[in-house]
N, C-alpha and C. Protein backbone atom coordinates (compact mmCIF):
# COMPACT_ATOMS: atom_id res chain seq x y z
N MET A 1 18.19 3.06 -15.11
CA MET A 1 17.85 3.79 -15.82
C MET A 1 16.62 4.86 -15.36
N LEU A 2 16.93 5.85 -15.08
CA LEU A 2 16.07 6.84 -14.71
C LEU A 2 14.63 7.33 -15.25
N GLN A 3 15.49 7.19 -17.05
CA GLN A 3 14.22 7.71 -17.66
C GLN A 3 13.47 6.88 -18.46
N ARG A 4 13.09 5.81 -17.87
CA ARG A 4 12.28 4.95 -18.33
C ARG A 4 10.85 4.77 -17.99
N MET A 5 9.63 4.25 -18.45
CA MET A 5 8.07 4.53 -17.78
C MET A 5 7.95 4.18 -16.66
N GLN A 6 8.41 2.62 -16.51
CA GLN A 6 8.43 2.26 -15.63
C GLN A 6 9.12 3.02 -14.45
N SER A 7 10.16 3.54 -14.32
CA SER A 7 10.49 4.30 -13.45
C SER A 7 9.62 4.98 -12.73
N LEU A 8 8.93 6.00 -13.22
CA LEU A 8 7.76 6.97 -13.11
C LEU A 8 6.46 6.42 -12.62
N TYR A 9 5.83 5.31 -13.39
CA TYR A 9 5.03 4.07 -12.25
C TYR A 9 5.13 4.23 -10.69
N LEU A 10 6.87 3.58 -10.68
CA LEU A 10 7.82 3.26 -9.41
C LEU A 10 7.80 4.35 -8.43
N SER A 11 7.93 5.20 -9.32
CA SER A 11 8.04 6.36 -8.19
C SER A 11 6.59 6.72 -7.62
N LEU A 12 5.78 7.21 -8.53
CA LEU A 12 4.47 6.85 -7.85
C LEU A 12 3.75 6.14 -7.02
N THR A 13 4.30 4.91 -7.05
CA THR A 13 3.79 3.83 -6.24
C THR A 13 4.47 3.87 -4.61
N THR A 14 6.00 4.88 -4.93
CA THR A 14 6.25 5.34 -3.18
C THR A 14 6.28 6.73 -3.02
N ILE A 15 5.37 7.21 -3.63
CA ILE A 15 4.79 8.47 -3.15
C ILE A 15 3.49 8.45 -2.42
N PHE A 16 2.47 7.08 -3.56
CA PHE A 16 1.59 6.88 -2.99
C PHE A 16 0.95 6.23 -1.29
N ALA A 17 2.28 5.36 -1.49
CA ALA A 17 2.81 4.58 -0.25
C ALA A 17 3.11 5.37 0.80
N MET A 18 3.56 6.46 0.28
CA MET A 18 4.43 7.21 1.57
C MET A 18 3.35 7.75 2.78
N LEU A 19 2.83 8.27 1.56
CA LEU A 19 1.07 9.24 1.93
C LEU A 19 0.33 8.20 2.93
N LEU A 20 0.32 6.94 3.04
CA LEU A 20 -0.47 5.98 3.99
C LEU A 20 0.47 6.69 5.62
N PHE A 21 1.67 6.98 5.66
CA PHE A 21 1.77 6.88 7.07
C PHE A 21 1.04 8.04 8.12
N LYS A 22 1.09 9.10 7.25
CA LYS A 22 0.03 9.85 8.02
C LYS A 22 -1.53 9.67 7.86
N GLY A 23 -2.07 9.95 8.91
CA GLY A 23 -3.80 10.00 8.76
C GLY A 23 -4.26 8.77 8.90
N ASP A 24 -5.54 8.57 9.07
CA ASP A 24 -6.26 7.97 9.51
C ASP A 24 -6.55 6.94 8.21
N PHE A 25 -7.04 5.93 8.11
CA PHE A 25 -7.64 4.46 6.74
C PHE A 25 -9.14 4.50 7.31
N VAL A 26 -9.70 4.35 8.30
CA VAL A 26 -11.10 3.91 8.69
C VAL A 26 -11.40 4.62 9.71
N LYS A 27 -12.33 5.43 9.60
CA LYS A 27 -12.90 5.60 10.94
C LYS A 27 -14.34 4.72 11.28
N ILE A 28 -14.27 4.44 12.66
CA ILE A 28 -15.09 3.46 13.46
C ILE A 28 -16.08 3.93 14.47
N ILE A 29 -17.51 4.41 14.23
CA ILE A 29 -18.24 4.94 15.33
C ILE A 29 -19.36 4.29 15.56
N ASP A 30 -19.31 4.00 16.91
CA ASP A 30 -20.44 3.48 17.30
C ASP A 30 -21.62 4.19 17.96
N LYS A 31 -22.92 3.51 18.39
CA LYS A 31 -24.23 4.40 18.54
C LYS A 31 -24.01 5.27 20.00
N THR A 32 -23.28 5.58 20.58
CA THR A 32 -22.69 6.19 21.45
C THR A 32 -22.10 7.57 20.93
N GLY A 33 -21.72 7.53 20.25
CA GLY A 33 -20.78 9.17 19.82
C GLY A 33 -19.19 7.99 20.16
N ILE A 34 -19.16 6.99 20.50
CA ILE A 34 -17.58 6.64 20.52
C ILE A 34 -17.22 6.25 19.40
N GLY A 35 -15.60 6.55 19.17
CA GLY A 35 -15.37 6.35 18.32
C GLY A 35 -13.91 5.58 17.85
N PHE A 36 -13.01 4.99 17.12
CA PHE A 36 -12.00 4.15 16.67
C PHE A 36 -11.68 5.31 15.57
N VAL A 37 -10.48 5.07 15.32
CA VAL A 37 -9.93 5.02 13.67
C VAL A 37 -8.54 3.88 13.52
N ILE A 38 -8.72 3.54 12.08
CA ILE A 38 -7.58 2.41 12.46
C ILE A 38 -6.41 3.75 11.27
N ARG A 39 -4.82 3.49 12.13
CA ARG A 39 -3.96 4.48 11.24
C ARG A 39 -2.92 3.32 10.88
N PHE A 40 -1.95 4.02 10.42
CA PHE A 40 -0.46 3.12 9.96
C PHE A 40 0.42 2.39 11.14
N ASN A 41 -0.30 2.95 12.41
CA ASN A 41 0.53 1.98 13.86
C ASN A 41 -0.12 1.75 14.35
N GLY A 42 -1.60 1.27 14.43
CA GLY A 42 -2.81 0.88 15.57
C GLY A 42 -4.30 1.57 15.09
N ILE A 43 -4.82 0.95 16.41
CA ILE A 43 -6.32 1.17 16.53
C ILE A 43 -6.00 2.22 17.56
N TYR A 44 -6.72 3.59 17.18
CA TYR A 44 -6.96 4.70 18.14
C TYR A 44 -8.12 4.48 18.93
N GLN A 45 -8.51 5.23 19.73
CA GLN A 45 -9.76 5.35 20.40
C GLN A 45 -10.35 6.73 20.62
N PHE A 46 -11.21 7.44 20.62
CA PHE A 46 -11.55 8.90 20.48
C PHE A 46 -12.89 8.81 20.67
N ASP A 47 -13.22 10.16 21.65
CA ASP A 47 -14.56 10.33 22.23
C ASP A 47 -14.27 12.16 22.06
N GLY A 48 -13.96 12.42 21.18
CA GLY A 48 -14.24 13.87 20.35
C GLY A 48 -13.82 14.93 21.58
N VAL A 49 -13.01 14.47 22.82
CA VAL A 49 -12.84 15.97 23.55
C VAL A 49 -11.16 15.86 23.69
N SER A 50 -11.12 14.22 24.25
CA SER A 50 -9.54 13.77 24.23
C SER A 50 -8.50 13.83 23.18
N ASP A 51 -7.06 13.70 23.54
CA ASP A 51 -6.40 12.93 22.07
C ASP A 51 -6.81 11.60 22.05
N PRO A 52 -6.69 10.84 20.78
CA PRO A 52 -6.50 9.95 20.54
C PRO A 52 -5.98 8.48 21.73
N ILE A 53 -6.13 7.68 22.20
CA ILE A 53 -5.81 6.69 22.38
C ILE A 53 -5.67 5.24 21.90
N LEU A 54 -4.57 5.06 22.27
CA LEU A 54 -4.16 3.70 21.52
C LEU A 54 -4.55 2.19 21.79
N MET A 55 -5.30 1.99 21.33
CA MET A 55 -6.12 0.70 21.91
C MET A 55 -4.97 -0.50 21.69
N HIS A 56 -4.95 -0.78 20.18
CA HIS A 56 -4.37 -1.51 19.90
C HIS A 56 -3.19 -1.16 18.92
N ARG A 57 -1.66 -2.18 18.44
CA ARG A 57 -0.45 -1.93 17.90
C ARG A 57 -0.86 -2.96 16.33
N LEU A 58 -0.84 -2.60 15.44
CA LEU A 58 -0.90 -3.43 14.32
C LEU A 58 0.30 -3.43 13.93
N LEU A 59 1.33 -4.06 14.12
CA LEU A 59 2.28 -4.69 13.45
C LEU A 59 2.49 -4.91 12.17
N PRO A 60 1.56 -5.74 11.60
CA PRO A 60 1.51 -6.48 10.31
C PRO A 60 1.19 -5.23 9.64
N LEU A 61 0.51 -4.59 9.48
CA LEU A 61 -0.03 -3.27 8.76
C LEU A 61 1.13 -2.34 8.98
N SER A 62 1.74 -2.03 9.70
CA SER A 62 2.96 -0.81 10.26
C SER A 62 4.27 -1.86 9.01
N ALA A 63 4.27 -3.29 9.35
CA ALA A 63 5.87 -3.30 8.52
C ALA A 63 5.33 -3.59 7.15
N LEU A 64 3.86 -3.63 6.45
CA LEU A 64 3.19 -3.55 5.10
C LEU A 64 3.77 -2.11 4.47
N THR A 65 3.13 -1.20 5.51
CA THR A 65 3.30 -0.35 4.83
C THR A 65 4.67 0.81 5.42
N ILE A 66 5.32 0.15 5.79
CA ILE A 66 6.95 0.78 5.09
C ILE A 66 8.02 -0.39 4.02
N ILE A 67 7.33 -1.49 3.90
CA ILE A 67 7.93 -2.12 3.15
C ILE A 67 7.66 -2.25 1.81
N ILE A 68 6.53 -1.28 1.47
CA ILE A 68 5.91 -1.39 0.15
C ILE A 68 6.96 0.07 -0.80
N PRO A 69 7.20 0.99 0.14
CA PRO A 69 7.88 1.99 -0.30
C PRO A 69 9.66 1.81 -0.56
N VAL A 70 9.75 1.09 0.34
CA VAL A 70 11.50 0.52 0.29
C VAL A 70 11.22 -0.35 -0.99
N MET A 71 10.38 -0.95 -1.50
CA MET A 71 10.69 -2.06 -2.32
C MET A 71 10.21 -1.52 -3.24
N SER A 72 9.48 -0.31 -3.38
CA SER A 72 9.10 0.43 -5.19
C SER A 72 10.61 1.55 -5.10
N VAL A 73 11.51 1.64 -4.27
CA VAL A 73 12.18 2.72 -4.61
C VAL A 73 13.57 1.52 -5.35
N ALA A 74 13.26 0.61 -4.10
CA ALA A 74 14.65 -0.43 -4.85
C ALA A 74 14.10 -1.00 -6.14
N ALA A 75 13.06 -1.28 -6.08
CA ALA A 75 12.77 -1.87 -7.87
C ALA A 75 13.12 -0.84 -8.70
N ILE A 76 12.91 0.52 -8.58
CA ILE A 76 13.54 1.79 -9.61
C ILE A 76 15.50 1.46 -9.66
N PHE A 77 15.77 1.21 -8.75
CA PHE A 77 17.22 0.52 -9.31
C PHE A 77 17.76 -0.75 -9.13
N MET A 78 16.60 -1.77 -9.90
CA MET A 78 17.16 -2.88 -10.28
C MET A 78 16.94 -2.83 -11.95
N TYR A 79 17.29 -1.72 -12.75
CA TYR A 79 17.02 -1.78 -13.84
C TYR A 79 17.85 -2.78 -15.05
N LYS A 80 18.76 -3.16 -14.36
CA LYS A 80 19.89 -3.72 -15.02
C LYS A 80 19.57 -5.14 -15.07
N LYS A 81 18.92 -5.77 -14.15
CA LYS A 81 18.26 -7.13 -13.39
C LYS A 81 16.74 -6.97 -14.11
N ARG A 82 15.61 -7.22 -14.89
CA ARG A 82 14.97 -7.09 -15.08
C ARG A 82 13.76 -7.93 -14.77
N LYS A 83 14.31 -9.06 -14.71
CA LYS A 83 13.80 -10.36 -14.04
C LYS A 83 13.49 -9.90 -12.58
N LEU A 84 14.36 -9.81 -12.00
CA LEU A 84 14.31 -9.79 -10.75
C LEU A 84 13.42 -8.30 -10.07
N GLN A 85 13.49 -7.46 -11.05
CA GLN A 85 12.58 -6.83 -11.08
C GLN A 85 11.26 -6.78 -11.05
N MET A 86 11.07 -7.44 -12.16
CA MET A 86 9.88 -7.93 -11.76
C MET A 86 9.14 -8.46 -11.23
N THR A 87 10.01 -9.80 -10.30
CA THR A 87 9.13 -10.51 -9.54
C THR A 87 9.59 -8.99 -8.18
N VAL A 88 10.02 -8.16 -7.85
CA VAL A 88 9.74 -7.37 -6.78
C VAL A 88 8.49 -6.50 -7.18
N VAL A 89 8.29 -6.31 -8.34
CA VAL A 89 7.02 -5.52 -8.64
C VAL A 89 5.87 -6.19 -8.28
N MET A 90 6.33 -7.75 -8.47
CA MET A 90 5.04 -8.40 -8.11
C MET A 90 4.53 -8.61 -7.20
N ILE A 91 5.54 -8.69 -6.10
CA ILE A 91 5.63 -9.04 -4.78
C ILE A 91 5.02 -7.57 -3.94
N ILE A 92 5.20 -6.26 -4.66
CA ILE A 92 4.70 -5.10 -4.45
C ILE A 92 3.34 -5.12 -4.58
N MET A 93 2.68 -5.50 -5.58
CA MET A 93 1.26 -5.57 -5.86
C MET A 93 0.53 -6.65 -4.73
N ILE A 94 1.34 -7.55 -4.32
CA ILE A 94 0.49 -8.62 -4.05
C ILE A 94 0.48 -8.33 -2.32
N LEU A 95 1.59 -7.27 -1.88
CA LEU A 95 1.74 -6.69 -0.42
C LEU A 95 0.30 -5.28 -0.68
N ALA A 96 0.36 -4.73 -1.82
CA ALA A 96 -0.36 -3.34 -1.67
C ALA A 96 -1.91 -4.39 -1.59
N ALA A 97 -2.53 -5.59 -2.11
CA ALA A 97 -3.52 -6.05 -1.85
C ALA A 97 -3.50 -6.70 -0.18
N ALA A 98 -2.18 -6.81 0.19
CA ALA A 98 -2.62 -7.70 1.80
C ALA A 98 -3.01 -6.72 2.34
N THR A 99 -2.26 -5.48 2.76
CA THR A 99 -2.45 -4.08 3.37
C THR A 99 -3.79 -3.95 3.01
N ALA A 100 -4.82 -3.83 1.81
CA ALA A 100 -6.16 -3.55 1.74
C ALA A 100 -6.97 -4.40 2.65
N GLY A 101 -6.40 -5.50 2.79
CA GLY A 101 -7.29 -7.36 3.40
C GLY A 101 -7.22 -6.59 4.68
N LEU A 102 -5.79 -6.15 5.13
CA LEU A 102 -5.95 -6.10 6.44
C LEU A 102 -5.99 -5.17 6.99
N ILE A 103 -6.82 -3.71 6.53
CA ILE A 103 -6.67 -2.88 7.11
C ILE A 103 -8.72 -3.35 6.83
N THR A 104 -8.99 -4.04 5.86
CA THR A 104 -10.77 -4.55 5.66
C THR A 104 -10.82 -5.45 7.03
N TYR A 105 -10.26 -6.25 7.50
CA TYR A 105 -9.99 -6.91 8.59
C TYR A 105 -9.93 -6.37 9.59
N TYR A 106 -9.01 -5.60 9.92
CA TYR A 106 -9.40 -5.00 11.39
C TYR A 106 -10.50 -4.12 11.64
N SER A 107 -10.56 -3.44 10.34
CA SER A 107 -12.27 -2.56 10.11
C SER A 107 -13.39 -3.18 10.41
N ALA A 108 -13.13 -4.38 9.61
CA ALA A 108 -14.62 -5.40 10.08
C ALA A 108 -14.68 -6.14 11.19
N THR A 109 -13.76 -6.35 12.02
CA THR A 109 -13.51 -7.20 13.42
C THR A 109 -13.40 -5.58 14.54
N THR A 110 -13.36 -4.56 14.56
CA THR A 110 -13.08 -3.67 15.49
C THR A 110 -15.01 -3.06 15.05
N ALA A 111 -15.26 -3.56 14.09
CA ALA A 111 -16.55 -2.73 13.94
C ALA A 111 -17.51 -4.02 14.34
N VAL A 112 -17.44 -5.16 14.60
CA VAL A 112 -18.22 -6.22 15.08
C VAL A 112 -18.24 -5.97 16.28
N ARG A 113 -17.09 -5.84 17.26
CA ARG A 113 -16.61 -6.10 18.62
C ARG A 113 -17.47 -4.88 18.88
N THR A 114 -17.43 -3.83 18.63
CA THR A 114 -17.93 -2.24 19.22
C THR A 114 -19.54 -2.02 18.82
N ASP A 115 -19.92 -3.09 17.94
CA ASP A 115 -21.60 -3.27 17.04
C ASP A 115 -21.52 -1.64 16.54
N ALA A 116 -20.53 -1.00 15.47
CA ALA A 116 -20.73 0.03 15.02
C ALA A 116 -20.44 -0.29 13.42
N ALA A 117 -20.20 0.88 12.39
CA ALA A 117 -20.36 0.91 11.21
C ALA A 117 -19.06 1.49 11.19
N PHE A 118 -18.06 1.22 10.24
CA PHE A 118 -16.90 1.74 9.07
C PHE A 118 -17.08 2.33 8.42
N ILE A 119 -16.20 3.17 8.24
CA ILE A 119 -16.62 4.16 7.15
C ILE A 119 -14.68 4.74 6.51
N PRO A 120 -14.89 3.80 5.56
CA PRO A 120 -13.36 4.10 4.78
C PRO A 120 -13.32 5.49 4.50
N LEU A 121 -12.00 5.88 5.26
CA LEU A 121 -11.79 7.70 4.56
C LEU A 121 -10.75 8.10 3.33
N ALA A 122 -10.52 8.70 2.91
CA ALA A 122 -9.45 8.95 1.88
C ALA A 122 -8.06 8.28 1.87
N LYS A 123 -7.45 7.83 2.86
CA LYS A 123 -5.96 7.27 2.76
C LYS A 123 -6.31 5.73 2.03
N PHE A 124 -7.59 5.11 2.41
CA PHE A 124 -7.96 3.51 2.60
C PHE A 124 -7.95 3.65 0.34
N TYR A 125 -8.53 4.71 -0.06
CA TYR A 125 -8.65 4.79 -1.53
C TYR A 125 -7.49 5.00 -1.70
N LEU A 126 -6.30 5.29 -1.59
CA LEU A 126 -4.85 5.36 -1.80
C LEU A 126 -4.24 3.82 -1.61
N ILE A 127 -4.97 2.79 -1.65
CA ILE A 127 -4.26 1.41 -1.99
C ILE A 127 -4.13 1.26 -3.41
N PRO A 128 -5.70 1.13 -4.22
CA PRO A 128 -5.78 0.80 -5.19
C PRO A 128 -4.90 1.32 -5.98
N PRO A 129 -4.23 2.00 -6.26
CA PRO A 129 -3.84 3.08 -7.26
C PRO A 129 -2.04 2.81 -7.18
N ILE A 130 -1.69 2.71 -6.15
CA ILE A 130 -0.81 1.75 -5.91
C ILE A 130 -0.54 0.51 -6.46
N VAL A 131 -1.50 -0.62 -6.27
CA VAL A 131 -1.50 -1.74 -6.95
C VAL A 131 -1.48 -1.11 -8.88
N ILE A 132 -2.43 -0.33 -8.93
CA ILE A 132 -2.53 0.09 -10.50
C ILE A 132 -0.94 0.75 -10.91
N PHE A 133 0.07 1.25 -10.54
CA PHE A 133 1.07 1.87 -11.19
C PHE A 133 2.28 0.50 -10.94
N ALA A 134 2.18 -0.14 -9.83
CA ALA A 134 2.90 -1.72 -9.63
C ALA A 134 2.33 -2.10 -10.88
N LEU A 135 1.58 -2.37 -11.43
CA LEU A 135 1.31 -3.41 -12.29
C LEU A 135 1.45 -2.78 -13.87
N LEU A 136 1.19 -0.84 -13.78
CA LEU A 136 1.28 -0.85 -14.79
C LEU A 136 3.69 -0.68 -15.54
N ALA A 137 3.86 -0.73 -14.25
CA ALA A 137 5.52 -0.84 -14.18
C ALA A 137 5.43 -2.23 -14.84
N TYR A 138 5.03 -3.03 -13.54
CA TYR A 138 5.42 -4.51 -14.32
C TYR A 138 5.34 -4.80 -16.00
N ARG A 139 4.11 -3.82 -16.37
CA ARG A 139 3.96 -3.79 -18.02
C ARG A 139 5.26 -3.47 -18.58
N GLY A 140 5.46 -2.16 -18.22
CA GLY A 140 6.70 -1.47 -18.72
C GLY A 140 8.07 -2.47 -18.77
N ILE A 141 8.04 -3.17 -17.70
CA ILE A 141 9.56 -3.71 -17.59
C ILE A 141 9.18 -5.18 -18.06
N ARG A 142 7.69 -6.16 -18.84
CA ARG A 142 8.04 -7.06 -19.16
C ARG A 142 8.33 -6.38 -20.62
N ARG A 143 7.08 -5.09 -21.36
CA ARG A 143 7.78 -5.11 -22.63
C ARG A 143 9.40 -4.86 -22.73
N ASP A 144 10.05 -4.30 -22.02
CA ASP A 144 11.61 -4.10 -22.62
C ASP A 144 12.49 -5.69 -22.36
N GLU A 145 11.89 -6.41 -21.36
CA GLU A 145 12.54 -7.39 -21.37
C GLU A 145 12.12 -8.53 -22.87
N ASN A 146 10.57 -8.23 -23.12
CA ASN A 146 10.35 -9.02 -24.40
C ASN A 146 11.61 -7.76 -25.72
N LEU A 147 11.83 -6.77 -25.70
CA LEU A 147 12.48 -6.22 -26.68
C LEU A 147 14.11 -6.70 -26.91
N VAL A 148 14.34 -6.86 -25.34
CA VAL A 148 15.77 -7.26 -25.69
C VAL A 148 15.98 -8.96 -26.10
N SER A 149 14.62 -9.79 -25.56
CA SER A 149 14.90 -11.01 -25.78
C SER A 149 14.65 -11.09 -27.55
N SER A 150 14.04 -10.12 -27.87
CA SER A 150 14.08 -10.11 -29.64
C SER A 150 15.23 -9.65 -29.86
N TYR A 151 15.54 -8.44 -29.60
CA TYR A 151 17.57 -8.00 -29.90
C TYR A 151 17.97 -8.94 -30.12
N HIS A 152 18.42 -10.23 -29.14
CA HIS A 152 18.89 -11.52 -29.06
C HIS A 152 18.76 -12.19 -29.87
N ARG A 153 17.51 -12.49 -30.37
CA ARG A 153 17.22 -13.52 -31.61
C ARG A 153 17.63 -12.93 -32.96
N LEU A 154 17.78 -11.88 -33.16
CA LEU A 154 18.27 -11.11 -34.04
C LEU A 154 19.95 -10.79 -34.78
N ARG A 155 20.41 -11.14 -33.28
CA ARG A 155 21.92 -11.21 -33.34
C ARG A 155 22.09 -12.49 -34.05
């Protein structure tokens, strides 16, 4: 049922999660001017002159970034199975929080190793709205479930 409000929230979750595919999450710059950026698929080193060089692949971060929008789209079409839909949305919230945790962990470890400071960029701040929209979708699904169960009690 695509006209439900939680479908809109799950669509926004999908859109925000897909925006994470391009661009940088965090920029890390040391005192010499050499910097690193954390992207969806790895940690890149840049010096401002040449193209960024892939230093380390981040498969867990890549997997989480791909799984979140796929599960969000799948959850939209699970409208007939509300309990399963609620479980999937809860998993989406946990995965989004894990994504933020992984980005923070990779940023902190890279900054400590290179004696640099890390600066969160705009893409990093797209993760909290994913959690918020998933939470709003969860609340809407729960309301539907409560409404249906109260209807069954009246019969």
